[in-house]
Amino acid sequence: MACKNPMQIQANDFYFRGLQLRGNTSNPFGFMVQPVTVAQLPGLNTLGISMVRIDYAPWGINPPHTHPRATEIITVLEGTLQVGFITSYPEYRLITKVLYKGDVFVFPVGLVHFQQNVGNKSAVAIGALSSQNPGAIFVGNAVFGSNPTISSDILAKAFQVDKKVVDLLKAKF
């Protein structure tokens, strides 16, 4: 996003209202993210920070994803979350923890990570990110729902499964 002429800056460029609202979690994953990035709050431009509110239905997940331009730190406001990330090659270690209200966890920049509400009640977390435009790449969507699509033959070989399995997965994205 281009910088605004300093003479045209207004208070609303530095203001966002909406994080007090619960997100609609009635989707297949049972979660909703309300971002506050430079797209929603122009005053963040060049500041290297942003934030999100994440709402989770009971047992809802924020599926495996990565932020290519940011580290993320979350704080649980309500509920109980299992969170985790996977270290890089060659170990691919799963680092995971169950978080309760008030707990904080950090996801290093670029690593695949996830959160799941492990309770029977809704959960809410607030996240801070080290970029005004962190980006998000959801693993399933990227691999099985790209446009144009990755060849099913390539994915079948990469995941060592039958092409029919790949085609089934592609149909879900």
C-alpha atoms as a PDB file:
ATOM      1  CA  MET A   1       0.000   0.000   0.000  1.00  0.00           C
ATOM      2  CA  ALA A   2       1.341   3.394  -0.975  1.00  0.00           C
ATOM      3  CA  CYS A   3       1.998   6.009   1.672  1.00  0.00           C
ATOM      4  CA  LYS A   4      -0.622   8.704   2.007  1.00  0.00           C
ATOM      5  CA  ASN A   5       0.185  12.357   1.534  1.00  0.00           C
ATOM      6  CA  PRO A   6       0.839  13.584   5.114  1.00  0.00           C
ATOM      7  CA  MET A   7      -1.504  16.526   4.520  1.00  0.00           C
ATOM      8  CA  GLN A   8      -4.379  14.090   3.824  1.00  0.00           C
ATOM      9  CA  ILE A   9      -3.971  11.969   6.971  1.00  0.00           C
ATOM     10  CA  GLN A  10      -6.989  11.870   9.279  1.00  0.00           C
ATOM     11  CA  ALA A  11      -7.713  10.318  12.663  1.00  0.00           C
ATOM     12  CA  ASN A  12      -9.708   7.507  11.031  1.00  0.00           C
ATOM     13  CA  ASP A  13      -6.524   6.341   9.254  1.00  0.00           C
ATOM     14  CA  PHE A  14      -5.324   5.286  12.730  1.00  0.00           C
ATOM     15  CA  TYR A  15      -8.611   3.886  14.054  1.00  0.00           C
ATOM     16  CA  PHE A  16     -10.427   0.564  13.664  1.00  0.00           C
ATOM     17  CA  ARG A  17     -13.643  -0.555  15.317  1.00  0.00           C
ATOM     18  CA  GLY A  18     -14.743  -4.179  15.183  1.00  0.00           C
ATOM     19  CA  LEU A  19     -12.676  -6.427  17.435  1.00  0.00           C
ATOM     20  CA  GLN A  20     -15.439  -6.376  20.037  1.00  0.00           C
ATOM     21  CA  LEU A  21     -17.675  -8.357  17.645  1.00  0.00           C
ATOM     22  CA  ARG A  22     -17.779 -12.164  17.645  1.00  0.00           C
ATOM     23  CA  GLY A  23     -16.830 -13.674  14.312  1.00  0.00           C
ATOM     24  CA  ASN A  24     -19.182 -15.987  12.414  1.00  0.00           C
ATOM     25  CA  THR A  25     -17.729 -19.473  12.957  1.00  0.00           C
ATOM     26  CA  SER A  26     -20.449 -21.343  11.034  1.00  0.00           C
ATOM     27  CA  ASN A  27     -18.089 -22.680   8.368  1.00  0.00           C
ATOM     28  CA  PRO A  28     -16.528 -26.126   7.838  1.00  0.00           C
ATOM     29  CA  PHE A  29     -13.519 -25.266  10.029  1.00  0.00           C
ATOM     30  CA  GLY A  30     -15.421 -23.538  12.840  1.00  0.00           C
ATOM     31  CA  PHE A  31     -13.260 -20.417  13.049  1.00  0.00           C
ATOM     32  CA  MET A  32     -13.196 -16.815  11.867  1.00  0.00           C
ATOM     33  CA  VAL A  33     -10.346 -14.314  11.714  1.00  0.00           C
ATOM     34  CA  GLN A  34     -10.930 -10.560  11.884  1.00  0.00           C
ATOM     35  CA  PRO A  35      -7.703  -9.004  10.617  1.00  0.00           C
ATOM     36  CA  VAL A  36      -6.493  -5.528  11.424  1.00  0.00           C
ATOM     37  CA  THR A  37      -3.769  -5.070   8.825  1.00  0.00           C
ATOM     38  CA  VAL A  38      -2.820  -2.102   6.677  1.00  0.00           C
ATOM     39  CA  ALA A  39      -5.833  -2.952   4.469  1.00  0.00           C
ATOM     40  CA  GLN A  40      -8.236  -2.230   7.357  1.00  0.00           C
ATOM     41  CA  LEU A  41      -6.125   0.381   9.157  1.00  0.00           C
ATOM     42  CA  PRO A  42      -4.035   2.520   6.774  1.00  0.00           C
ATOM     43  CA  GLY A  43      -2.127   4.082   9.681  1.00  0.00           C
ATOM     44  CA  LEU A  44      -0.245   0.783  10.067  1.00  0.00           C
ATOM     45  CA  ASN A  45       1.600   1.406   6.792  1.00  0.00           C
ATOM     46  CA  THR A  46       5.379   1.049   7.319  1.00  0.00           C
ATOM     47  CA  LEU A  47       4.976   0.329  11.062  1.00  0.00           C
ATOM     48  CA  GLY A  48       5.636  -3.419  10.867  1.00  0.00           C
ATOM     49  CA  ILE A  49       2.717  -4.502  13.072  1.00  0.00           C
ATOM     50  CA  SER A  50      -0.842  -5.797  12.768  1.00  0.00           C
ATOM     51  CA  MET A  51      -3.288  -7.858  14.781  1.00  0.00           C
ATOM     52  CA  VAL A  52      -6.167 -10.309  14.511  1.00  0.00           C
ATOM     53  CA  ARG A  53      -9.120 -11.511  16.527  1.00  0.00           C
ATOM     54  CA  ILE A  54      -9.717 -15.243  16.111  1.00  0.00           C
ATOM     55  CA  ASP A  55     -13.038 -16.791  17.111  1.00  0.00           C
ATOM     56  CA  TYR A  56     -13.403 -20.573  17.413  1.00  0.00           C
ATOM     57  CA  ALA A  57     -16.562 -22.649  17.632  1.00  0.00           C
ATOM     58  CA  PRO A  58     -16.401 -25.612  20.029  1.00  0.00           C
ATOM     59  CA  TRP A  59     -13.762 -27.956  18.538  1.00  0.00           C
ATOM     60  CA  GLY A  60     -13.173 -25.489  15.684  1.00  0.00           C
ATOM     61  CA  ILE A  61      -9.743 -25.190  14.075  1.00  0.00           C
ATOM     62  CA  ASN A  62      -7.631 -22.534  12.458  1.00  0.00           C
ATOM     63  CA  PRO A  63      -6.138 -25.031   9.977  1.00  0.00           C
ATOM     64  CA  PRO A  64      -2.425 -25.396   9.246  1.00  0.00           C
ATOM     65  CA  HIS A  65      -1.147 -22.197   7.670  1.00  0.00           C
ATOM     66  CA  THR A  66       1.843 -19.903   7.574  1.00  0.00           C
ATOM     67  CA  HIS A  67       2.502 -16.167   7.569  1.00  0.00           C
ATOM     68  CA  PRO A  68       5.317 -15.618   5.068  1.00  0.00           C
ATOM     69  CA  ARG A  69       6.117 -12.120   6.333  1.00  0.00           C
ATOM     70  CA  ALA A  70       5.457 -12.244  10.080  1.00  0.00           C
ATOM     71  CA  THR A  71       5.956 -13.862  13.437  1.00  0.00           C
ATOM     72  CA  GLU A  72       2.657 -14.211  15.320  1.00  0.00           C
ATOM     73  CA  ILE A  73       2.014 -14.124  19.048  1.00  0.00           C
ATOM     74  CA  ILE A  74      -1.420 -15.007  20.436  1.00  0.00           C
ATOM     75  CA  THR A  75      -3.148 -14.539  23.772  1.00  0.00           C
ATOM     76  CA  VAL A  76      -6.159 -16.630  24.742  1.00  0.00           C
ATOM     77  CA  LEU A  77      -9.025 -14.429  25.979  1.00  0.00           C
ATOM     78  CA  GLU A  78     -11.659 -17.166  26.367  1.00  0.00           C
ATOM     79  CA  GLY A  79     -11.595 -20.943  26.198  1.00  0.00           C
ATOM     80  CA  THR A  80      -8.869 -23.544  25.781  1.00  0.00           C
ATOM     81  CA  LEU A  81      -6.742 -23.958  22.652  1.00  0.00           C
ATOM     82  CA  GLN A  82      -4.305 -26.591  21.513  1.00  0.00           C
ATOM     83  CA  VAL A  83      -1.722 -24.785  19.420  1.00  0.00           C
ATOM     84  CA  GLY A  84       1.375 -25.866  17.606  1.00  0.00           C
ATOM     85  CA  PHE A  85       3.920 -25.322  14.873  1.00  0.00           C
ATOM     86  CA  ILE A  86       6.227 -27.535  12.869  1.00  0.00           C
ATOM     87  CA  THR A  87       9.946 -26.817  12.744  1.00  0.00           C
ATOM     88  CA  SER A  88      11.731 -26.679   9.415  1.00  0.00           C
ATOM     89  CA  TYR A  89      13.631 -29.344   7.479  1.00  0.00           C
ATOM     90  CA  PRO A  90      15.185 -31.723   8.318  1.00  0.00           C
ATOM     91  CA  GLU A  91      13.552 -32.268  11.738  1.00  0.00           C
ATOM     92  CA  TYR A  92       9.900 -31.308  11.092  1.00  0.00           C
ATOM     93  CA  ARG A  93       9.299 -31.447  14.863  1.00  0.00           C
ATOM     94  CA  LEU A  94       5.832 -30.661  16.191  1.00  0.00           C
ATOM     95  CA  ILE A  95       5.982 -28.117  19.016  1.00  0.00           C
ATOM     96  CA  THR A  96       2.564 -28.060  20.718  1.00  0.00           C
ATOM     97  CA  LYS A  97       0.934 -26.795  23.912  1.00  0.00           C
ATOM     98  CA  VAL A  98      -2.535 -26.501  25.429  1.00  0.00           C
ATOM     99  CA  LEU A  99      -3.314 -22.868  26.285  1.00  0.00           C
ATOM    100  CA  TYR A 100      -5.799 -21.491  28.789  1.00  0.00           C
ATOM    101  CA  LYS A 101      -7.234 -18.021  29.354  1.00  0.00           C
ATOM    102  CA  GLY A 102      -4.382 -15.528  29.654  1.00  0.00           C
ATOM    103  CA  ASP A 103      -1.729 -17.830  28.155  1.00  0.00           C
ATOM    104  CA  VAL A 104       0.552 -16.587  25.371  1.00  0.00           C
ATOM    105  CA  PHE A 105       2.250 -18.544  22.547  1.00  0.00           C
ATOM    106  CA  VAL A 106       4.481 -17.461  19.661  1.00  0.00           C
ATOM    107  CA  PHE A 107       4.634 -18.867  16.115  1.00  0.00           C
ATOM    108  CA  PRO A 108       7.959 -18.050  14.405  1.00  0.00           C
ATOM    109  CA  VAL A 109       7.837 -16.377  11.001  1.00  0.00           C
ATOM    110  CA  GLY A 110       7.151 -18.678   8.060  1.00  0.00           C
ATOM    111  CA  LEU A 111       6.507 -21.874  10.044  1.00  0.00           C
ATOM    112  CA  VAL A 112       3.344 -23.909   9.514  1.00  0.00           C
ATOM    113  CA  HIS A 113       1.113 -23.575  12.574  1.00  0.00           C
ATOM    114  CA  PHE A 114      -2.449 -24.202  13.778  1.00  0.00           C
ATOM    115  CA  GLN A 115      -4.859 -23.732  16.661  1.00  0.00           C
ATOM    116  CA  GLN A 116      -7.796 -25.873  17.782  1.00  0.00           C
ATOM    117  CA  ASN A 117     -10.450 -25.120  20.370  1.00  0.00           C
ATOM    118  CA  VAL A 118     -10.368 -28.197  22.609  1.00  0.00           C
ATOM    119  CA  GLY A 119     -13.418 -27.222  24.603  1.00  0.00           C
ATOM    120  CA  ASN A 120     -17.199 -27.448  24.406  1.00  0.00           C
ATOM    121  CA  LYS A 121     -17.557 -23.649  24.558  1.00  0.00           C
ATOM    122  CA  SER A 122     -16.482 -20.944  22.126  1.00  0.00           C
ATOM    123  CA  ALA A 123     -12.926 -19.634  22.356  1.00  0.00           C
ATOM    124  CA  VAL A 124     -11.366 -16.280  21.447  1.00  0.00           C
ATOM    125  CA  ALA A 125      -7.742 -15.253  20.930  1.00  0.00           C
ATOM    126  CA  ILE A 126      -6.032 -12.009  19.985  1.00  0.00           C
ATOM    127  CA  GLY A 127      -2.922 -12.225  17.847  1.00  0.00           C
ATOM    128  CA  ALA A 128      -0.217  -9.685  17.074  1.00  0.00           C
ATOM    129  CA  LEU A 129       1.928  -9.985  13.957  1.00  0.00           C
ATOM    130  CA  SER A 130       5.293  -8.448  13.115  1.00  0.00           C
ATOM    131  CA  SER A 131       4.193  -7.022   9.754  1.00  0.00           C
ATOM    132  CA  GLN A 132       1.524  -4.603   8.613  1.00  0.00           C
ATOM    133  CA  ASN A 133       0.853  -7.113   5.798  1.00  0.00           C
ATOM    134  CA  PRO A 134       1.688 -10.593   7.179  1.00  0.00           C
ATOM    135  CA  GLY A 135      -0.041 -12.680   4.505  1.00  0.00           C
ATOM    136  CA  ALA A 136      -1.561 -16.090   5.154  1.00  0.00           C
ATOM    137  CA  ILE A 137      -1.067 -19.311   3.211  1.00  0.00           C
ATOM    138  CA  PHE A 138      -3.406 -22.136   4.239  1.00  0.00           C
ATOM    139  CA  VAL A 139      -1.660 -25.413   3.425  1.00  0.00           C
ATOM    140  CA  GLY A 140      -4.705 -27.340   2.169  1.00  0.00           C
ATOM    141  CA  ASN A 141      -5.986 -24.465   0.034  1.00  0.00           C
ATOM    142  CA  ALA A 142      -2.550 -23.767  -1.420  1.00  0.00           C
ATOM    143  CA  VAL A 143      -1.750 -27.371  -2.316  1.00  0.00           C
ATOM    144  CA  PHE A 144      -5.170 -28.689  -3.340  1.00  0.00           C
ATOM    145  CA  GLY A 145      -6.966 -25.515  -4.375  1.00  0.00           C
ATOM    146  CA  SER A 146      -4.393 -23.502  -6.303  1.00  0.00           C
ATOM    147  CA  ASN A 147      -5.409 -21.702  -9.500  1.00  0.00           C
ATOM    148  CA  PRO A 148      -4.380 -23.090 -11.872  1.00  0.00           C
ATOM    149  CA  THR A 149      -4.249 -26.430 -10.102  1.00  0.00           C
ATOM    150  CA  ILE A 150      -1.130 -28.453  -9.473  1.00  0.00           C
ATOM    151  CA  SER A 151      -1.206 -31.640 -11.545  1.00  0.00           C
ATOM    152  CA  SER A 152      -2.827 -34.543  -9.679  1.00  0.00           C
ATOM    153  CA  ASP A 153       0.027 -36.743 -10.880  1.00  0.00           C
ATOM    154  CA  ILE A 154       2.556 -34.460  -9.180  1.00  0.00           C
ATOM    155  CA  LEU A 155       0.571 -34.356  -5.946  1.00  0.00           C
ATOM    156  CA  ALA A 156      -0.016 -38.127  -5.966  1.00  0.00           C
ATOM    157  CA  LYS A 157       3.711 -38.722  -6.232  1.00  0.00           C
ATOM    158  CA  ALA A 158       4.575 -36.017  -3.675  1.00  0.00           C
ATOM    159  CA  PHE A 159       2.142 -37.405  -1.082  1.00  0.00           C
ATOM    160  CA  GLN A 160       2.658 -41.037  -2.141  1.00  0.00           C
ATOM    161  CA  VAL A 161      -1.072 -41.681  -2.548  1.00  0.00           C
ATOM    162  CA  ASP A 162      -3.335 -42.762  -5.377  1.00  0.00           C
ATOM    163  CA  LYS A 163      -4.409 -40.041  -7.828  1.00  0.00           C
ATOM    164  CA  LYS A 164      -8.042 -40.676  -6.800  1.00  0.00           C
ATOM    165  CA  VAL A 165      -7.190 -39.525  -3.258  1.00  0.00           C
ATOM    166  CA  VAL A 166      -5.695 -36.314  -4.647  1.00  0.00           C
ATOM    167  CA  ASP A 167      -8.751 -35.702  -6.820  1.00  0.00           C
ATOM    168  CA  LEU A 168     -10.998 -36.220  -3.794  1.00  0.00           C
ATOM    169  CA  LEU A 169      -8.987 -33.690  -1.793  1.00  0.00           C
ATOM    170  CA  LYS A 170      -8.988 -31.193  -4.667  1.00  0.00           C
ATOM    171  CA  ALA A 171     -12.795 -31.375  -4.790  1.00  0.00           C
ATOM    172  CA  LYS A 172     -12.938 -30.093  -1.189  1.00  0.00           C
ATOM    173  CA  PHE A 173     -10.964 -26.936  -2.027  1.00  0.00           C
END
